[in-house]
PDB file of N, CA and C in Angstrom:
ATOM      1  N   UNK A   1      -2.770  37.721   3.874  1.00  0.00           N
ATOM      2  CA  UNK A   1      -1.471  37.498   3.241  1.00  0.00           C
ATOM      3  C   UNK A   1      -1.565  37.665   1.728  1.00  0.00           C
ATOM      4  N   UNK A   2      -2.705  37.428   1.174  1.00  0.00           N
ATOM      5  CA  UNK A   2      -2.871  37.542  -0.254  1.00  0.00           C
ATOM      6  C   UNK A   2      -2.770  38.993  -0.731  1.00  0.00           C
ATOM      7  N   UNK A   3      -3.118  39.928   0.123  1.00  0.00           N
ATOM      8  CA  UNK A   3      -3.024  41.337  -0.247  1.00  0.00           C
ATOM      9  C   UNK A   3      -1.562  41.766  -0.435  1.00  0.00           C
ATOM     10  N   UNK A   4      -0.665  41.140   0.290  1.00  0.00           N
ATOM     11  CA  UNK A   4       0.753  41.465   0.182  1.00  0.00           C
ATOM     12  C   UNK A   4       1.417  40.801  -1.025  1.00  0.00           C
ATOM     13  N   UNK A   5       0.853  39.713  -1.488  1.00  0.00           N
ATOM     14  CA  UNK A   5       1.453  38.900  -2.517  1.00  0.00           C
ATOM     15  C   UNK A   5       1.887  39.650  -3.778  1.00  0.00           C
ATOM     16  N   UNK A   6       1.138  40.607  -4.357  1.00  0.00           N
ATOM     17  CA  UNK A   6       1.567  41.289  -5.572  1.00  0.00           C
ATOM     18  C   UNK A   6       2.847  42.138  -5.344  1.00  0.00           C
ATOM     19  N   UNK A   7       3.113  42.502  -4.108  1.00  0.00           N
ATOM     20  CA  UNK A   7       4.267  43.381  -3.817  1.00  0.00           C
ATOM     21  C   UNK A   7       5.494  42.602  -3.418  1.00  0.00           C
ATOM     22  N   UNK A   8       5.391  41.336  -3.211  1.00  0.00           N
ATOM     23  CA  UNK A   8       6.497  40.489  -2.787  1.00  0.00           C
ATOM     24  C   UNK A   8       7.206  39.955  -4.023  1.00  0.00           C
ATOM     25  N   UNK A   9       7.895  40.817  -4.736  1.00  0.00           N
ATOM     26  CA  UNK A   9       8.513  40.397  -5.990  1.00  0.00           C
ATOM     27  C   UNK A   9       9.902  39.805  -5.807  1.00  0.00           C
ATOM     28  N   UNK A  10      10.575  40.128  -4.729  1.00  0.00           N
ATOM     29  CA  UNK A  10      11.957  39.645  -4.574  1.00  0.00           C
ATOM     30  C   UNK A  10      12.032  38.147  -4.345  1.00  0.00           C
ATOM     31  N   UNK A  11      10.987  37.536  -3.840  1.00  0.00           N
ATOM     32  CA  UNK A  11      11.026  36.092  -3.586  1.00  0.00           C
ATOM     33  C   UNK A  11      10.373  35.273  -4.717  1.00  0.00           C
ATOM     34  N   UNK A  12       9.963  35.939  -5.774  1.00  0.00           N
ATOM     35  CA  UNK A  12       9.242  35.243  -6.840  1.00  0.00           C
ATOM     36  C   UNK A  12      10.195  34.694  -7.920  1.00  0.00           C
ATOM     37  N   UNK A  13      11.432  35.142  -7.934  1.00  0.00           N
ATOM     38  CA  UNK A  13      12.359  34.702  -8.967  1.00  0.00           C
ATOM     39  C   UNK A  13      13.118  33.469  -8.487  1.00  0.00           C
ATOM     40  N   UNK A  14      13.413  32.595  -9.414  1.00  0.00           N
ATOM     41  CA  UNK A  14      14.217  31.400  -9.101  1.00  0.00           C
ATOM     42  C   UNK A  14      15.714  31.696  -9.169  1.00  0.00           C
ATOM     43  N   UNK A  15      16.079  32.779  -9.827  1.00  0.00           N
ATOM     44  CA  UNK A  15      17.475  33.171  -9.952  1.00  0.00           C
ATOM     45  C   UNK A  15      17.922  33.902  -8.700  1.00  0.00           C
ATOM     46  N   UNK A  16      19.136  33.667  -8.267  1.00  0.00           N
ATOM     47  CA  UNK A  16      19.706  34.372  -7.135  1.00  0.00           C
ATOM     48  C   UNK A  16      20.010  35.792  -7.501  1.00  0.00           C
ATOM     49  N   UNK A  17      19.851  36.755  -6.597  1.00  0.00           N
ATOM     50  CA  UNK A  17      20.191  38.149  -6.885  1.00  0.00           C
ATOM     51  C   UNK A  17      21.697  38.313  -7.051  1.00  0.00           C
ATOM     52  N   UNK A  18      22.086  39.260  -7.900  1.00  0.00           N
ATOM     53  CA  UNK A  18      23.501  39.550  -8.151  1.00  0.00           C
ATOM     54  C   UNK A  18      23.998  40.515  -7.091  1.00  0.00           C
ATOM     55  N   UNK A  19      24.746  39.996  -6.115  1.00  0.00           N
ATOM     56  CA  UNK A  19      25.185  40.799  -4.997  1.00  0.00           C
ATOM     57  C   UNK A  19      26.074  41.956  -5.413  1.00  0.00           C
ATOM     58  N   UNK A  20      26.924  41.747  -6.398  1.00  0.00           N
ATOM     59  CA  UNK A  20      27.800  42.819  -6.843  1.00  0.00           C
ATOM     60  C   UNK A  20      27.005  43.962  -7.490  1.00  0.00           C
ATOM     61  N   UNK A  21      25.982  43.635  -8.190  1.00  0.00           N
ATOM     62  CA  UNK A  21      25.146  44.658  -8.824  1.00  0.00           C
ATOM     63  C   UNK A  21      24.293  45.396  -7.792  1.00  0.00           C
ATOM     64  N   UNK A  22      23.880  44.740  -6.735  1.00  0.00           N
ATOM     65  CA  UNK A  22      23.014  45.321  -5.729  1.00  0.00           C
ATOM     66  C   UNK A  22      23.788  46.102  -4.675  1.00  0.00           C
ATOM     67  N   UNK A  23      25.089  45.838  -4.512  1.00  0.00           N
ATOM     68  CA  UNK A  23      25.874  46.443  -3.456  1.00  0.00           C
ATOM     69  C   UNK A  23      25.862  47.965  -3.466  1.00  0.00           C
ATOM     70  N   UNK A  24      26.023  48.649  -4.610  1.00  0.00           N
ATOM     71  CA  UNK A  24      26.021  50.101  -4.556  1.00  0.00           C
ATOM     72  C   UNK A  24      24.675  50.688  -4.042  1.00  0.00           C
ATOM     73  N   UNK A  25      23.601  50.080  -4.428  1.00  0.00           N
ATOM     74  CA  UNK A  25      22.289  50.547  -3.960  1.00  0.00           C
ATOM     75  C   UNK A  25      22.180  50.471  -2.450  1.00  0.00           C
ATOM     76  N   UNK A  26      22.526  49.320  -1.897  1.00  0.00           N
ATOM     77  CA  UNK A  26      22.419  49.156  -0.450  1.00  0.00           C
ATOM     78  C   UNK A  26      23.491  49.910   0.295  1.00  0.00           C
ATOM     79  N   UNK A  27      24.665  50.062  -0.285  1.00  0.00           N
ATOM     80  CA  UNK A  27      25.695  50.889   0.355  1.00  0.00           C
ATOM     81  C   UNK A  27      25.266  52.349   0.474  1.00  0.00           C
ATOM     82  N   UNK A  28      24.604  52.850  -0.542  1.00  0.00           N
ATOM     83  CA  UNK A  28      24.068  54.241  -0.500  1.00  0.00           C
ATOM     84  C   UNK A  28      22.990  54.362   0.586  1.00  0.00           C
ATOM     85  N   UNK A  29      22.120  53.363   0.727  1.00  0.00           N
ATOM     86  CA  UNK A  29      21.100  53.394   1.767  1.00  0.00           C
ATOM     87  C   UNK A  29      21.734  53.397   3.156  1.00  0.00           C
ATOM     88  N   UNK A  30      22.716  52.556   3.353  1.00  0.00           N
ATOM     89  CA  UNK A  30      23.411  52.471   4.639  1.00  0.00           C
ATOM     90  C   UNK A  30      24.078  53.798   4.955  1.00  0.00           C
ATOM     91  N   UNK A  31      24.742  54.367   3.972  1.00  0.00           N
ATOM     92  CA  UNK A  31      25.431  55.663   4.172  1.00  0.00           C
ATOM     93  C   UNK A  31      24.424  56.767   4.483  1.00  0.00           C
ATOM     94  N   UNK A  32      23.249  56.689   3.920  1.00  0.00           N
ATOM     95  CA  UNK A  32      22.250  57.730   4.152  1.00  0.00           C
ATOM     96  C   UNK A  32      21.637  57.664   5.561  1.00  0.00           C
ATOM     97  N   UNK A  33      21.400  56.464   6.049  1.00  0.00           N
ATOM     98  CA  UNK A  33      20.670  56.306   7.311  1.00  0.00           C
ATOM     99  C   UNK A  33      21.517  55.951   8.520  1.00  0.00           C
ATOM    100  N   UNK A  34      22.772  55.606   8.291  1.00  0.00           N
ATOM    101  CA  UNK A  34      23.646  55.274   9.437  1.00  0.00           C
ATOM    102  C   UNK A  34      24.898  56.152   9.388  1.00  0.00           C
ATOM    103  N   UNK A  35      25.294  56.678  10.537  1.00  0.00           N
ATOM    104  CA  UNK A  35      26.505  57.528  10.534  1.00  0.00           C
ATOM    105  C   UNK A  35      27.757  56.694  10.329  1.00  0.00           C
ATOM    106  N   UNK A  36      28.822  57.344   9.853  1.00  0.00           N
ATOM    107  CA  UNK A  36      30.065  56.647   9.607  1.00  0.00           C
ATOM    108  C   UNK A  36      30.647  56.115  10.909  1.00  0.00           C
ATOM    109  N   UNK A  37      30.508  56.902  11.979  1.00  0.00           N
ATOM    110  CA  UNK A  37      30.991  56.470  13.286  1.00  0.00           C
ATOM    111  C   UNK A  37      29.795  56.413  14.255  1.00  0.00           C
ATOM    112  N   UNK A  38      29.821  55.398  15.102  1.00  0.00           N
ATOM    113  CA  UNK A  38      28.774  55.260  16.115  1.00  0.00           C
ATOM    114  C   UNK A  38      29.338  55.561  17.475  1.00  0.00           C
ATOM    115  N   UNK A  39      28.549  56.210  18.294  1.00  0.00           N
ATOM    116  CA  UNK A  39      28.941  56.471  19.685  1.00  0.00           C
ATOM    117  C   UNK A  39      28.359  55.360  20.549  1.00  0.00           C
ATOM    118  N   UNK A  40      29.164  54.666  21.295  1.00  0.00           N
ATOM    119  CA  UNK A  40      28.660  53.610  22.172  1.00  0.00           C
ATOM    120  C   UNK A  40      28.790  53.999  23.581  1.00  0.00           C
TER     121      UNK A  40
END
């Protein structure tokens, strides 16, 4: 577990992430990897 520790930066901050600032980044990832319509 110690080998992973230097890369686990998101849980090291005491401040909560700014969801409004992060939304465009994650929206772009979702648009890239998931189709707009799903076939069920």
